Amino acid sequence: KSRAHRQTELIRFVNWYNTVKPHRGINNQTPLERLTEYFYPTEL
């Protein structure tokens, strides 16, 4: 496989890992969900 193909696959994996895959260490949230809660809290 070419370098460009490997790079594309890595980018796709990192995107999936951070936006789709829940993580037990952060209460089964995705890193994106956790970051969004941090910067945009819903508490009034």
Foldseek 3Di string as FASTA:
>chain_A
DDPVVVVVVVVVVVCCQQQPFFDVVVVRDHVVVVVCCVVPPPDD
